[in-house]
């Protein structure tokens, strides 16, 4: 009888563990909570995509920003702004942990005409221990946003984008920006393709930040 009781205890304990932690650790990546405007550098005709890896501590504070794709002089403008933005820390099984989030800043031409954005600098990377073996999604194909018709206003639109396991942008949440620019930004991101995020070597749904900096019509660039 004692042996049977001990066996039942072991089985019951195993069931409890399976229910409380199904499929391993539950990891939630860093999320952006607030953002602001990015100034398009004056007296430049340069356009392109600046890619940043933002490391965030357990309190959601920005600890470091790594440049993954550098487009001078646009990179400085992106770095200056992003360091002031606010984030929510990553979570592991409900507790905050240090993590990172990929931030893409697109300096949009006034009339891109459906041109794709070069992103050759974004290569596959290895996971890091500080991010609990997490690798953020990576852009594989992207287009500029089409400037809204009959609109002269410029400005910044910041989107929090949910990327599925298949690498498609499933949802787009506006963190910062006004109409009609925000609609133009959302429509552009819907066509973007990503290499999906991984956690412990397995594909996972995740999030990235995609930002479009629209020039005003007064500073139209080719």
N, C-alpha and C. Protein backbone atom coordinates (compact mmCIF):
# COMPACT_ATOMS: atom_id res chain seq x y z
N UNK A 1 0.83 -1.21 0.00
CA UNK A 1 0.00 0.00 0.00
C UNK A 1 0.86 1.26 0.00
N UNK A 2 1.96 1.23 0.78
CA UNK A 2 2.85 2.40 0.83
C UNK A 2 3.48 2.66 -0.52
N UNK A 3 3.85 1.56 -1.23
CA UNK A 3 4.45 1.71 -2.56
C UNK A 3 3.46 2.32 -3.52
N UNK A 4 2.19 1.87 -3.44
CA UNK A 4 1.15 2.40 -4.32
C UNK A 4 0.91 3.87 -4.05
N UNK A 5 0.89 4.25 -2.76
CA UNK A 5 0.67 5.65 -2.39
C UNK A 5 1.80 6.52 -2.93
N UNK A 6 3.03 6.04 -2.79
CA UNK A 6 4.18 6.80 -3.29
C UNK A 6 4.09 6.97 -4.81
N UNK A 7 3.66 5.93 -5.52
CA UNK A 7 3.53 5.99 -6.97
C UNK A 7 2.49 7.03 -7.37
N UNK A 8 1.38 7.06 -6.63
CA UNK A 8 0.33 8.04 -6.93
C UNK A 8 0.82 9.46 -6.72
N UNK A 9 1.63 9.66 -5.66
CA UNK A 9 2.18 10.99 -5.38
C UNK A 9 3.07 11.45 -6.52
N UNK A 10 3.91 10.53 -7.03
CA UNK A 10 4.83 10.88 -8.12
C UNK A 10 4.06 11.23 -9.38
N UNK A 11 3.02 10.43 -9.71
CA UNK A 11 2.21 10.70 -10.90
C UNK A 11 1.50 12.03 -10.78
N UNK A 12 0.91 12.29 -9.59
CA UNK A 12 0.17 13.53 -9.38
C UNK A 12 1.11 14.74 -9.49
N UNK A 13 2.32 14.61 -8.93
CA UNK A 13 3.28 15.71 -9.00
C UNK A 13 3.66 15.98 -10.44
N UNK A 14 3.80 14.90 -11.23
CA UNK A 14 4.13 15.07 -12.64
C UNK A 14 3.03 15.79 -13.38
N UNK A 15 1.77 15.49 -13.08
CA UNK A 15 0.64 16.17 -13.72
C UNK A 15 0.62 17.65 -13.37
N UNK A 16 0.92 17.97 -12.13
CA UNK A 16 0.94 19.37 -11.69
C UNK A 16 1.99 20.14 -12.46
N UNK A 17 3.20 19.55 -12.60
CA UNK A 17 4.27 20.22 -13.33
C UNK A 17 3.88 20.44 -14.79
N UNK A 18 3.23 19.46 -15.38
CA UNK A 18 2.84 19.57 -16.79
C UNK A 18 1.81 20.65 -16.99
N UNK A 19 0.93 20.88 -16.01
CA UNK A 19 -0.12 21.87 -16.14
C UNK A 19 0.40 23.29 -15.88
N UNK A 20 1.36 23.40 -14.96
CA UNK A 20 1.83 24.73 -14.59
C UNK A 20 2.88 25.26 -15.56
N UNK A 21 3.54 24.37 -16.29
CA UNK A 21 4.59 24.83 -17.20
C UNK A 21 4.55 24.03 -18.51
N UNK A 22 3.40 24.08 -19.23
CA UNK A 22 3.28 23.28 -20.44
C UNK A 22 4.22 23.76 -21.53
N UNK A 23 4.97 22.82 -22.12
CA UNK A 23 5.81 23.19 -23.27
C UNK A 23 7.03 24.00 -22.93
N UNK A 24 7.43 24.08 -21.65
CA UNK A 24 8.63 24.83 -21.30
C UNK A 24 8.32 26.24 -20.86
N UNK A 25 9.38 27.07 -20.81
CA UNK A 25 9.26 28.42 -20.29
C UNK A 25 8.39 29.30 -21.18
N UNK A 26 7.59 30.16 -20.55
CA UNK A 26 6.74 31.10 -21.27
C UNK A 26 7.48 32.43 -21.36
N UNK A 27 7.96 32.78 -22.56
CA UNK A 27 8.75 34.01 -22.75
C UNK A 27 7.93 35.03 -23.52
N UNK A 28 7.87 36.27 -22.99
CA UNK A 28 7.23 37.38 -23.68
C UNK A 28 8.30 38.42 -23.97
N UNK A 29 8.48 38.81 -25.23
CA UNK A 29 9.54 39.75 -25.57
C UNK A 29 9.25 41.18 -25.11
N UNK A 30 10.25 42.02 -25.21
CA UNK A 30 10.12 43.44 -24.88
C UNK A 30 9.04 44.08 -25.76
N UNK A 31 8.30 45.04 -25.21
CA UNK A 31 7.30 45.78 -25.96
C UNK A 31 7.54 47.28 -25.81
N UNK A 32 7.24 48.04 -26.84
CA UNK A 32 7.34 49.49 -26.77
C UNK A 32 6.05 50.05 -26.18
N UNK A 33 6.16 51.04 -25.31
CA UNK A 33 4.98 51.62 -24.67
C UNK A 33 4.73 53.07 -25.07
N UNK A 34 5.78 53.81 -25.42
CA UNK A 34 5.58 55.18 -25.88
C UNK A 34 6.75 55.59 -26.75
N UNK A 35 6.49 56.53 -27.67
CA UNK A 35 7.52 56.98 -28.61
C UNK A 35 7.25 58.43 -28.97
N UNK A 36 8.18 59.02 -29.71
CA UNK A 36 8.04 60.41 -30.12
C UNK A 36 8.55 60.63 -31.53
N UNK A 37 8.61 61.88 -31.92
CA UNK A 37 8.97 62.26 -33.28
C UNK A 37 10.48 62.05 -33.53
N UNK A 38 10.81 61.73 -34.78
CA UNK A 38 12.19 61.67 -35.23
C UNK A 38 12.36 62.72 -36.32
N UNK A 39 13.31 63.61 -36.15
CA UNK A 39 13.51 64.68 -37.11
C UNK A 39 14.29 64.17 -38.32
N UNK A 40 13.76 64.44 -39.52
CA UNK A 40 14.49 64.10 -40.74
C UNK A 40 15.65 65.08 -40.86
N UNK A 41 16.90 64.58 -40.91
CA UNK A 41 18.06 65.49 -40.97
C UNK A 41 17.93 66.49 -42.11
N UNK A 42 18.14 67.77 -41.85
CA UNK A 42 18.02 68.78 -42.90
C UNK A 42 19.15 68.69 -43.91
N UNK A 43 18.87 69.22 -45.09
CA UNK A 43 19.89 69.34 -46.14
C UNK A 43 20.49 67.99 -46.54
N UNK A 44 19.66 66.94 -46.57
CA UNK A 44 20.13 65.64 -47.03
C UNK A 44 19.08 65.00 -47.93
N UNK A 45 19.55 64.33 -48.97
CA UNK A 45 18.65 63.61 -49.87
C UNK A 45 18.69 62.11 -49.60
N UNK A 46 19.35 61.71 -48.52
CA UNK A 46 19.51 60.29 -48.21
C UNK A 46 18.20 59.72 -47.68
N UNK A 47 17.87 58.52 -48.13
CA UNK A 47 16.74 57.77 -47.59
C UNK A 47 17.24 56.37 -47.23
N UNK A 48 16.43 55.60 -46.54
CA UNK A 48 16.84 54.24 -46.23
C UNK A 48 16.34 53.76 -44.88
N UNK A 49 16.81 52.58 -44.49
CA UNK A 49 16.36 51.93 -43.27
C UNK A 49 17.52 51.81 -42.28
N UNK A 50 17.31 52.35 -41.09
CA UNK A 50 18.26 52.21 -39.99
C UNK A 50 17.72 51.13 -39.06
N UNK A 51 18.53 50.12 -38.77
CA UNK A 51 18.10 49.03 -37.89
C UNK A 51 18.87 49.08 -36.58
N UNK A 52 18.12 49.02 -35.48
CA UNK A 52 18.71 49.10 -34.15
C UNK A 52 18.26 47.93 -33.29
N UNK A 53 19.15 47.46 -32.44
CA UNK A 53 18.82 46.45 -31.44
C UNK A 53 18.83 47.15 -30.08
N UNK A 54 17.67 47.25 -29.45
CA UNK A 54 17.54 47.99 -28.19
C UNK A 54 17.50 47.01 -27.02
N UNK A 55 18.48 47.10 -26.14
CA UNK A 55 18.52 46.25 -24.95
C UNK A 55 17.82 46.96 -23.80
N UNK A 56 16.96 46.24 -23.11
CA UNK A 56 16.12 46.80 -22.04
C UNK A 56 16.31 45.99 -20.77
N UNK A 57 16.43 46.68 -19.63
CA UNK A 57 16.62 45.96 -18.37
C UNK A 57 15.28 45.53 -17.77
N UNK A 58 15.32 44.97 -16.56
CA UNK A 58 14.11 44.42 -15.94
C UNK A 58 13.09 45.49 -15.55
N UNK A 59 13.51 46.75 -15.54
CA UNK A 59 12.59 47.86 -15.24
C UNK A 59 12.06 48.53 -16.50
N UNK A 60 12.50 48.04 -17.66
CA UNK A 60 12.04 48.64 -18.91
C UNK A 60 12.91 49.79 -19.39
N UNK A 61 14.03 50.03 -18.71
CA UNK A 61 14.92 51.13 -19.11
C UNK A 61 15.85 50.70 -20.23
N UNK A 62 16.12 51.62 -21.16
CA UNK A 62 17.05 51.34 -22.24
C UNK A 62 18.47 51.33 -21.69
N UNK A 63 19.16 50.19 -21.85
CA UNK A 63 20.53 50.07 -21.35
C UNK A 63 21.57 50.22 -22.46
N UNK A 64 21.20 49.83 -23.67
CA UNK A 64 22.16 49.91 -24.76
C UNK A 64 21.40 49.87 -26.08
N UNK A 65 21.96 50.52 -27.10
CA UNK A 65 21.38 50.48 -28.44
C UNK A 65 22.49 50.13 -29.42
N UNK A 66 22.34 49.02 -30.10
CA UNK A 66 23.34 48.55 -31.06
C UNK A 66 22.85 48.85 -32.48
N UNK A 67 23.71 49.44 -33.29
CA UNK A 67 23.37 49.74 -34.68
C UNK A 67 23.64 48.50 -35.53
N UNK A 68 22.59 47.99 -36.17
CA UNK A 68 22.72 46.82 -37.03
C UNK A 68 22.81 47.21 -38.51
N UNK A 69 22.17 48.31 -38.85
CA UNK A 69 22.27 48.82 -40.21
C UNK A 69 22.42 50.33 -40.15
N UNK A 70 23.57 50.80 -40.61
CA UNK A 70 23.96 52.21 -40.47
C UNK A 70 23.75 52.93 -41.80
N UNK A 71 23.00 54.05 -41.74
CA UNK A 71 22.78 54.88 -42.92
C UNK A 71 23.07 56.34 -42.54
N UNK A 72 24.33 56.75 -42.54
CA UNK A 72 24.66 58.14 -42.21
C UNK A 72 24.03 59.09 -43.23
N UNK A 73 23.54 60.27 -42.78
CA UNK A 73 23.50 60.79 -41.41
C UNK A 73 22.20 60.44 -40.68
N UNK A 74 21.44 59.48 -41.21
CA UNK A 74 20.14 59.17 -40.64
C UNK A 74 20.25 58.44 -39.29
N UNK A 75 21.31 57.67 -39.13
CA UNK A 75 21.45 56.85 -37.92
C UNK A 75 21.47 57.70 -36.65
N UNK A 76 22.18 58.81 -36.68
CA UNK A 76 22.27 59.66 -35.49
C UNK A 76 20.89 60.16 -35.07
N UNK A 77 20.08 60.56 -36.03
CA UNK A 77 18.73 61.04 -35.72
C UNK A 77 17.89 59.93 -35.08
N UNK A 78 18.01 58.72 -35.61
CA UNK A 78 17.26 57.60 -35.06
C UNK A 78 17.72 57.26 -33.65
N UNK A 79 19.02 57.19 -33.44
CA UNK A 79 19.56 56.86 -32.11
C UNK A 79 19.14 57.87 -31.06
N UNK A 80 19.24 59.14 -31.40
CA UNK A 80 18.90 60.20 -30.45
C UNK A 80 17.47 60.08 -29.97
N UNK A 81 16.56 59.76 -30.89
CA UNK A 81 15.14 59.67 -30.53
C UNK A 81 14.82 58.39 -29.77
N UNK A 82 15.30 57.26 -30.27
CA UNK A 82 14.94 55.97 -29.69
C UNK A 82 15.41 55.83 -28.24
N UNK A 83 16.52 56.42 -27.90
CA UNK A 83 17.03 56.35 -26.52
C UNK A 83 16.08 57.01 -25.52
N UNK A 84 15.15 57.84 -26.02
CA UNK A 84 14.20 58.53 -25.14
C UNK A 84 12.85 57.82 -25.08
N UNK A 85 12.67 56.79 -25.86
CA UNK A 85 11.39 56.07 -25.88
C UNK A 85 11.26 55.17 -24.66
N UNK A 86 10.03 54.70 -24.40
CA UNK A 86 9.76 53.86 -23.23
C UNK A 86 9.38 52.44 -23.67
N UNK A 87 9.79 51.47 -22.86
CA UNK A 87 9.56 50.07 -23.18
C UNK A 87 9.09 49.31 -21.95
N UNK A 88 8.47 48.16 -22.19
CA UNK A 88 8.10 47.24 -21.12
C UNK A 88 9.07 46.07 -21.17
N UNK A 89 9.58 45.67 -20.01
CA UNK A 89 10.58 44.60 -19.96
C UNK A 89 10.03 43.29 -20.49
N UNK A 90 10.94 42.43 -20.95
CA UNK A 90 10.55 41.08 -21.33
C UNK A 90 10.11 40.33 -20.08
N UNK A 91 9.39 39.23 -20.28
CA UNK A 91 8.95 38.42 -19.14
C UNK A 91 9.25 36.96 -19.39
N UNK A 92 9.64 36.28 -18.33
CA UNK A 92 9.85 34.84 -18.36
C UNK A 92 9.03 34.22 -17.24
N UNK A 93 8.02 33.44 -17.62
CA UNK A 93 7.10 32.84 -16.65
C UNK A 93 6.50 33.89 -15.72
N UNK A 94 6.17 35.06 -16.29
CA UNK A 94 5.48 36.10 -15.53
C UNK A 94 6.37 37.06 -14.78
N UNK A 95 7.69 36.85 -14.79
CA UNK A 95 8.61 37.73 -14.09
C UNK A 95 9.44 38.53 -15.09
N UNK A 96 9.70 39.82 -14.80
CA UNK A 96 10.48 40.64 -15.73
C UNK A 96 11.92 40.17 -15.84
N UNK A 97 12.44 40.16 -17.06
CA UNK A 97 13.83 39.81 -17.32
C UNK A 97 14.40 40.78 -18.34
N UNK A 98 15.70 40.88 -18.39
CA UNK A 98 16.33 41.71 -19.41
C UNK A 98 16.07 41.11 -20.78
N UNK A 99 15.91 41.97 -21.79
CA UNK A 99 15.64 41.49 -23.13
C UNK A 99 16.00 42.54 -24.16
N UNK A 100 15.59 42.31 -25.39
CA UNK A 100 15.88 43.26 -26.45
C UNK A 100 14.77 43.24 -27.48
N UNK A 101 14.71 44.34 -28.23
CA UNK A 101 13.70 44.47 -29.27
C UNK A 101 14.33 45.14 -30.48
N UNK A 102 13.96 44.69 -31.66
CA UNK A 102 14.47 45.25 -32.90
C UNK A 102 13.63 46.48 -33.29
N UNK A 103 14.31 47.56 -33.60
CA UNK A 103 13.65 48.80 -34.02
C UNK A 103 14.13 49.16 -35.42
N UNK A 104 13.20 49.25 -36.36
CA UNK A 104 13.50 49.64 -37.74
C UNK A 104 12.97 51.06 -37.96
N UNK A 105 13.85 51.94 -38.41
CA UNK A 105 13.46 53.33 -38.68
C UNK A 105 13.64 53.59 -40.17
N UNK A 106 12.54 53.82 -40.86
CA UNK A 106 12.56 54.04 -42.31
C UNK A 106 12.43 55.54 -42.58
N UNK A 107 13.46 56.11 -43.19
CA UNK A 107 13.40 57.50 -43.63
C UNK A 107 12.88 57.47 -45.06
N UNK A 108 11.62 57.82 -45.19
CA UNK A 108 10.87 57.61 -46.42
C UNK A 108 11.11 58.70 -47.45
N UNK A 109 11.30 58.35 -48.72
CA UNK A 109 11.33 59.38 -49.76
C UNK A 109 9.94 59.95 -49.96
N UNK A 110 9.87 61.16 -50.49
CA UNK A 110 8.56 61.80 -50.67
C UNK A 110 7.69 61.02 -51.64
N UNK A 111 8.28 60.46 -52.70
CA UNK A 111 7.50 59.70 -53.67
C UNK A 111 8.27 58.43 -54.04
N UNK A 112 8.17 57.37 -53.21
CA UNK A 112 9.00 56.19 -53.42
C UNK A 112 8.61 55.34 -54.63
N UNK A 113 7.34 55.42 -55.05
CA UNK A 113 6.91 54.67 -56.22
C UNK A 113 7.03 53.16 -56.06
N UNK A 114 6.82 52.64 -54.85
CA UNK A 114 6.84 51.20 -54.62
C UNK A 114 8.23 50.59 -54.59
N UNK A 115 9.25 51.40 -54.42
CA UNK A 115 10.63 50.90 -54.40
C UNK A 115 10.90 50.14 -53.11
N UNK A 116 11.61 49.01 -53.23
CA UNK A 116 11.97 48.24 -52.05
C UNK A 116 13.09 48.92 -51.27
N UNK A 117 13.19 48.59 -50.00
CA UNK A 117 14.21 49.17 -49.13
C UNK A 117 15.39 48.23 -49.03
N UNK A 118 16.59 48.67 -49.36
CA UNK A 118 17.77 47.80 -49.20
C UNK A 118 17.96 47.42 -47.74
N UNK A 119 18.19 46.14 -47.47
CA UNK A 119 18.40 45.70 -46.09
C UNK A 119 19.49 44.63 -46.03
N UNK A 120 20.49 44.80 -46.89
CA UNK A 120 21.56 43.80 -46.97
C UNK A 120 22.40 43.69 -45.71
N UNK A 121 22.36 44.71 -44.85
CA UNK A 121 23.17 44.67 -43.65
C UNK A 121 22.60 43.83 -42.53
N UNK A 122 21.36 43.36 -42.70
CA UNK A 122 20.71 42.60 -41.63
C UNK A 122 20.93 41.12 -41.85
N UNK A 123 21.94 40.56 -41.22
CA UNK A 123 22.30 39.17 -41.39
C UNK A 123 21.82 38.34 -40.20
N UNK A 124 21.69 37.01 -40.39
CA UNK A 124 21.31 36.15 -39.26
C UNK A 124 22.28 36.32 -38.09
N UNK A 125 21.78 36.14 -36.89
CA UNK A 125 22.62 36.33 -35.71
C UNK A 125 22.41 35.21 -34.72
N UNK A 126 23.32 35.12 -33.78
CA UNK A 126 23.23 34.10 -32.74
C UNK A 126 22.45 34.65 -31.55
N UNK A 127 21.74 33.77 -30.82
CA UNK A 127 21.03 34.23 -29.63
C UNK A 127 22.00 34.65 -28.54
N UNK A 128 21.53 35.47 -27.61
CA UNK A 128 22.37 35.92 -26.51
C UNK A 128 21.80 35.44 -25.19
N UNK A 129 22.68 35.14 -24.23
CA UNK A 129 22.23 34.67 -22.92
C UNK A 129 21.39 35.71 -22.21
N UNK A 130 21.75 37.01 -22.37
CA UNK A 130 21.02 38.07 -21.70
C UNK A 130 19.58 38.16 -22.14
N UNK A 131 19.28 37.68 -23.35
CA UNK A 131 17.91 37.70 -23.85
C UNK A 131 17.28 36.32 -23.73
N UNK A 132 17.85 35.48 -22.87
CA UNK A 132 17.30 34.15 -22.62
C UNK A 132 17.18 33.35 -23.91
N UNK A 133 18.26 33.36 -24.72
CA UNK A 133 18.32 32.59 -25.96
C UNK A 133 17.24 33.00 -26.95
N UNK A 134 16.95 34.28 -26.96
CA UNK A 134 15.93 34.83 -27.86
C UNK A 134 16.59 35.58 -29.01
N UNK A 135 16.14 35.34 -30.24
CA UNK A 135 16.61 36.06 -31.42
C UNK A 135 15.42 36.79 -32.04
N UNK A 136 15.47 38.12 -32.15
CA UNK A 136 14.34 38.89 -32.69
C UNK A 136 14.09 38.58 -34.15
N UNK A 137 12.90 38.94 -34.66
CA UNK A 137 12.62 38.78 -36.08
C UNK A 137 13.58 39.64 -36.91
N UNK A 138 13.86 39.20 -38.13
CA UNK A 138 14.77 39.92 -39.02
C UNK A 138 14.06 40.23 -40.34
N UNK A 139 14.16 41.46 -40.80
CA UNK A 139 13.52 41.85 -42.06
C UNK A 139 14.20 41.16 -43.24
N UNK A 140 13.40 40.57 -44.11
CA UNK A 140 13.93 39.96 -45.33
C UNK A 140 13.46 40.68 -46.59
N UNK A 141 12.34 41.39 -46.51
CA UNK A 141 11.83 42.18 -47.64
C UNK A 141 10.98 43.31 -47.12
N UNK A 142 11.18 44.51 -47.64
CA UNK A 142 10.44 45.67 -47.15
C UNK A 142 10.29 46.72 -48.25
N UNK A 143 9.19 47.44 -48.22
CA UNK A 143 8.94 48.54 -49.15
C UNK A 143 8.75 49.84 -48.38
N UNK A 144 9.07 50.95 -49.03
CA UNK A 144 8.76 52.25 -48.46
C UNK A 144 7.25 52.44 -48.41
N UNK A 145 6.81 53.34 -47.55
CA UNK A 145 5.40 53.72 -47.51
C UNK A 145 5.10 54.70 -48.65
N UNK A 146 3.91 54.58 -49.21
CA UNK A 146 3.48 55.49 -50.27
C UNK A 146 2.91 56.75 -49.63
N UNK A 147 3.47 57.88 -49.96
CA UNK A 147 3.04 59.13 -49.35
C UNK A 147 1.58 59.39 -49.70
N UNK A 148 0.72 59.73 -48.71
CA UNK A 148 -0.70 59.95 -48.97
C UNK A 148 -0.96 61.02 -50.02
N UNK A 149 -1.92 60.77 -50.88
CA UNK A 149 -2.27 61.71 -51.94
C UNK A 149 -2.84 62.99 -51.33
N UNK A 150 -2.46 64.12 -51.94
CA UNK A 150 -2.97 65.44 -51.52
C UNK A 150 -2.64 65.75 -50.06
N UNK A 151 -1.49 65.26 -49.59
CA UNK A 151 -1.06 65.53 -48.22
C UNK A 151 0.30 66.20 -48.24
N UNK A 152 0.41 67.32 -47.53
CA UNK A 152 1.66 68.06 -47.50
C UNK A 152 2.39 67.91 -46.17
N UNK A 153 1.72 67.31 -45.18
CA UNK A 153 2.29 67.22 -43.85
C UNK A 153 3.35 66.13 -43.79
N UNK A 154 4.38 66.33 -42.96
CA UNK A 154 5.37 65.32 -42.69
C UNK A 154 5.26 64.88 -41.23
N UNK A 155 6.04 63.91 -40.84
CA UNK A 155 6.01 63.47 -39.45
C UNK A 155 6.44 62.03 -39.29
N UNK A 156 6.32 61.54 -38.06
CA UNK A 156 6.77 60.21 -37.70
C UNK A 156 5.60 59.33 -37.30
N UNK A 157 5.64 58.08 -37.76
CA UNK A 157 4.66 57.07 -37.33
C UNK A 157 5.43 55.89 -36.75
N UNK A 158 5.10 55.50 -35.52
CA UNK A 158 5.76 54.38 -34.86
C UNK A 158 4.74 53.27 -34.68
N UNK A 159 5.07 52.08 -35.19
CA UNK A 159 4.17 50.93 -35.13
C UNK A 159 4.78 49.81 -34.29
N UNK A 160 3.94 49.21 -33.46
CA UNK A 160 4.31 48.00 -32.73
C UNK A 160 3.73 46.84 -33.54
N UNK A 161 4.59 46.02 -34.12
CA UNK A 161 4.17 45.01 -35.08
C UNK A 161 4.33 43.60 -34.51
N UNK A 162 3.25 42.83 -34.58
CA UNK A 162 3.29 41.43 -34.17
C UNK A 162 3.66 40.59 -35.38
N UNK A 163 4.74 39.83 -35.26
CA UNK A 163 5.24 38.98 -36.35
C UNK A 163 4.94 37.52 -36.01
N UNK A 164 4.25 36.84 -36.92
CA UNK A 164 3.88 35.45 -36.69
C UNK A 164 5.03 34.49 -36.92
N UNK A 165 4.79 33.22 -36.63
CA UNK A 165 5.79 32.18 -36.84
C UNK A 165 6.15 32.02 -38.31
N UNK A 166 5.22 32.44 -39.19
CA UNK A 166 5.48 32.34 -40.62
C UNK A 166 6.21 33.55 -41.18
N UNK A 167 6.56 34.52 -40.31
CA UNK A 167 7.29 35.70 -40.75
C UNK A 167 6.44 36.80 -41.32
N UNK A 168 5.13 36.70 -41.21
CA UNK A 168 4.24 37.74 -41.72
C UNK A 168 3.83 38.70 -40.59
N UNK A 169 3.61 39.95 -40.97
CA UNK A 169 3.16 40.95 -40.00
C UNK A 169 1.67 40.74 -39.74
N UNK A 170 1.35 40.17 -38.58
CA UNK A 170 -0.03 39.80 -38.29
C UNK A 170 -0.87 40.99 -37.80
N UNK A 171 -0.27 41.82 -36.95
CA UNK A 171 -1.00 42.96 -36.38
C UNK A 171 -0.09 44.17 -36.33
N UNK A 172 -0.69 45.36 -36.46
CA UNK A 172 0.05 46.61 -36.38
C UNK A 172 -0.69 47.56 -35.44
N UNK A 173 -0.01 47.96 -34.37
CA UNK A 173 -0.60 48.89 -33.41
C UNK A 173 0.15 50.21 -33.48
N UNK A 174 -0.61 51.31 -33.63
CA UNK A 174 0.01 52.63 -33.71
C UNK A 174 0.39 53.10 -32.30
N UNK A 175 1.67 53.33 -32.09
CA UNK A 175 2.17 53.86 -30.82
C UNK A 175 2.27 55.37 -30.87
N UNK A 176 2.58 55.90 -32.06
CA UNK A 176 2.76 57.34 -32.22
C UNK A 176 2.50 57.69 -33.70
N UNK A 177 1.83 58.83 -33.94
CA UNK A 177 1.63 59.29 -35.31
C UNK A 177 0.19 59.68 -35.58
N UNK A 178 0.00 60.46 -36.62
CA UNK A 178 -1.32 60.99 -36.95
C UNK A 178 -1.72 60.55 -38.36
N UNK A 179 -3.02 60.63 -38.62
CA UNK A 179 -3.53 60.39 -39.97
C UNK A 179 -3.21 61.58 -40.85
N UNK A 180 -3.08 61.36 -42.18
CA UNK A 180 -3.20 60.07 -42.89
C UNK A 180 -1.90 59.28 -42.94
N UNK A 181 -0.87 59.76 -42.26
CA UNK A 181 0.43 59.08 -42.33
C UNK A 181 0.38 57.69 -41.70
N UNK A 182 -0.39 57.55 -40.62
CA UNK A 182 -0.41 56.26 -39.94
C UNK A 182 -1.02 55.16 -40.81
N UNK A 183 -2.04 55.51 -41.61
CA UNK A 183 -2.63 54.53 -42.53
C UNK A 183 -1.63 54.12 -43.60
N UNK A 184 -0.87 55.08 -44.11
CA UNK A 184 0.14 54.79 -45.12
C UNK A 184 1.21 53.86 -44.56
N UNK A 185 1.61 54.09 -43.31
CA UNK A 185 2.62 53.26 -42.67
C UNK A 185 2.11 51.83 -42.47
N UNK A 186 0.89 51.69 -42.00
CA UNK A 186 0.31 50.37 -41.76
C UNK A 186 0.21 49.58 -43.06
N UNK A 187 -0.23 50.23 -44.12
CA UNK A 187 -0.36 49.54 -45.41
C UNK A 187 0.99 49.06 -45.92
N UNK A 188 2.03 49.85 -45.69
CA UNK A 188 3.37 49.44 -46.13
C UNK A 188 3.85 48.22 -45.36
N UNK A 189 3.69 48.23 -44.05
CA UNK A 189 4.20 47.15 -43.21
C UNK A 189 3.50 45.82 -43.49
N UNK A 190 2.26 45.87 -43.92
CA UNK A 190 1.53 44.64 -44.21
C UNK A 190 2.23 43.79 -45.27
N UNK A 191 3.02 44.43 -46.12
CA UNK A 191 3.70 43.70 -47.20
C UNK A 191 5.11 43.25 -46.81
N UNK A 192 5.58 43.67 -45.64
CA UNK A 192 6.93 43.31 -45.21
C UNK A 192 7.01 41.82 -44.89
N UNK A 193 8.21 41.25 -45.07
CA UNK A 193 8.44 39.85 -44.73
C UNK A 193 9.60 39.78 -43.74
N UNK A 194 9.50 38.82 -42.82
CA UNK A 194 10.50 38.66 -41.78
C UNK A 194 10.96 37.20 -41.69
N UNK A 195 12.18 37.02 -41.22
CA UNK A 195 12.60 35.72 -40.71
C UNK A 195 12.10 35.70 -39.27
N UNK A 196 11.27 34.75 -38.94
CA UNK A 196 10.59 34.76 -37.64
C UNK A 196 11.58 34.70 -36.48
N UNK A 197 11.12 35.18 -35.32
CA UNK A 197 11.93 35.13 -34.11
C UNK A 197 12.10 33.68 -33.66
N UNK A 198 13.11 33.45 -32.86
CA UNK A 198 13.28 32.13 -32.25
C UNK A 198 13.53 32.28 -30.76
N UNK A 199 13.06 31.30 -30.02
CA UNK A 199 13.36 31.22 -28.59
C UNK A 199 13.77 29.78 -28.31
N UNK A 200 14.98 29.63 -27.75
CA UNK A 200 15.56 28.32 -27.51
C UNK A 200 15.56 27.48 -28.78
N UNK A 201 15.83 28.16 -29.92
CA UNK A 201 15.96 27.46 -31.19
C UNK A 201 14.67 27.16 -31.91
N UNK A 202 13.52 27.52 -31.33
CA UNK A 202 12.23 27.24 -31.95
C UNK A 202 11.58 28.54 -32.42
N UNK A 203 10.92 28.51 -33.57
CA UNK A 203 10.25 29.70 -34.08
C UNK A 203 9.16 30.14 -33.11
N UNK A 204 8.98 31.46 -33.01
CA UNK A 204 8.02 32.00 -32.06
C UNK A 204 7.38 33.28 -32.60
N UNK A 205 6.17 33.54 -32.21
CA UNK A 205 5.55 34.83 -32.49
C UNK A 205 6.28 35.87 -31.66
N UNK A 206 6.45 37.05 -32.23
CA UNK A 206 7.20 38.07 -31.51
C UNK A 206 6.79 39.46 -31.99
N UNK A 207 7.55 40.46 -31.55
CA UNK A 207 7.23 41.84 -31.90
C UNK A 207 8.47 42.60 -32.37
N UNK A 208 8.23 43.57 -33.23
CA UNK A 208 9.26 44.50 -33.65
C UNK A 208 8.64 45.89 -33.68
N UNK A 209 9.49 46.89 -33.74
CA UNK A 209 9.04 48.26 -33.92
C UNK A 209 9.42 48.70 -35.32
N UNK A 210 8.44 49.22 -36.06
CA UNK A 210 8.70 49.77 -37.39
C UNK A 210 8.26 51.23 -37.39
N UNK A 211 9.19 52.09 -37.74
CA UNK A 211 8.96 53.53 -37.71
C UNK A 211 9.17 54.13 -39.10
N UNK A 212 8.25 54.97 -39.53
CA UNK A 212 8.39 55.69 -40.80
C UNK A 212 8.53 57.18 -40.51
N UNK A 213 9.58 57.77 -41.06
CA UNK A 213 9.78 59.21 -40.94
C UNK A 213 9.46 59.82 -42.30
N UNK A 214 8.34 60.53 -42.38
CA UNK A 214 7.86 61.12 -43.62
C UNK A 214 8.36 62.56 -43.75
N UNK A 215 9.01 62.91 -44.85
CA UNK A 215 9.38 64.32 -45.05
C UNK A 215 8.15 65.12 -45.47
N UNK A 216 8.17 66.41 -45.22
CA UNK A 216 7.06 67.25 -45.68
C UNK A 216 7.24 67.50 -47.16
N UNK A 217 6.16 67.92 -47.83
CA UNK A 217 6.21 68.17 -49.25
C UNK A 217 7.21 69.28 -49.59
N UNK A 218 7.42 70.18 -48.64
CA UNK A 218 8.35 71.31 -48.87
C UNK A 218 9.79 70.81 -49.02
N UNK A 219 10.06 69.61 -48.50
CA UNK A 219 11.40 69.06 -48.59
C UNK A 219 11.37 67.75 -49.38
N UNK A 220 10.59 67.74 -50.44
CA UNK A 220 10.45 66.54 -51.26
C UNK A 220 11.81 66.09 -51.78
N UNK A 221 12.02 64.78 -51.66
CA UNK A 221 13.29 64.19 -52.10
C UNK A 221 13.03 63.23 -53.24
N UNK A 222 13.94 63.08 -54.18
CA UNK A 222 13.74 62.16 -55.29
C UNK A 222 13.66 60.72 -54.84
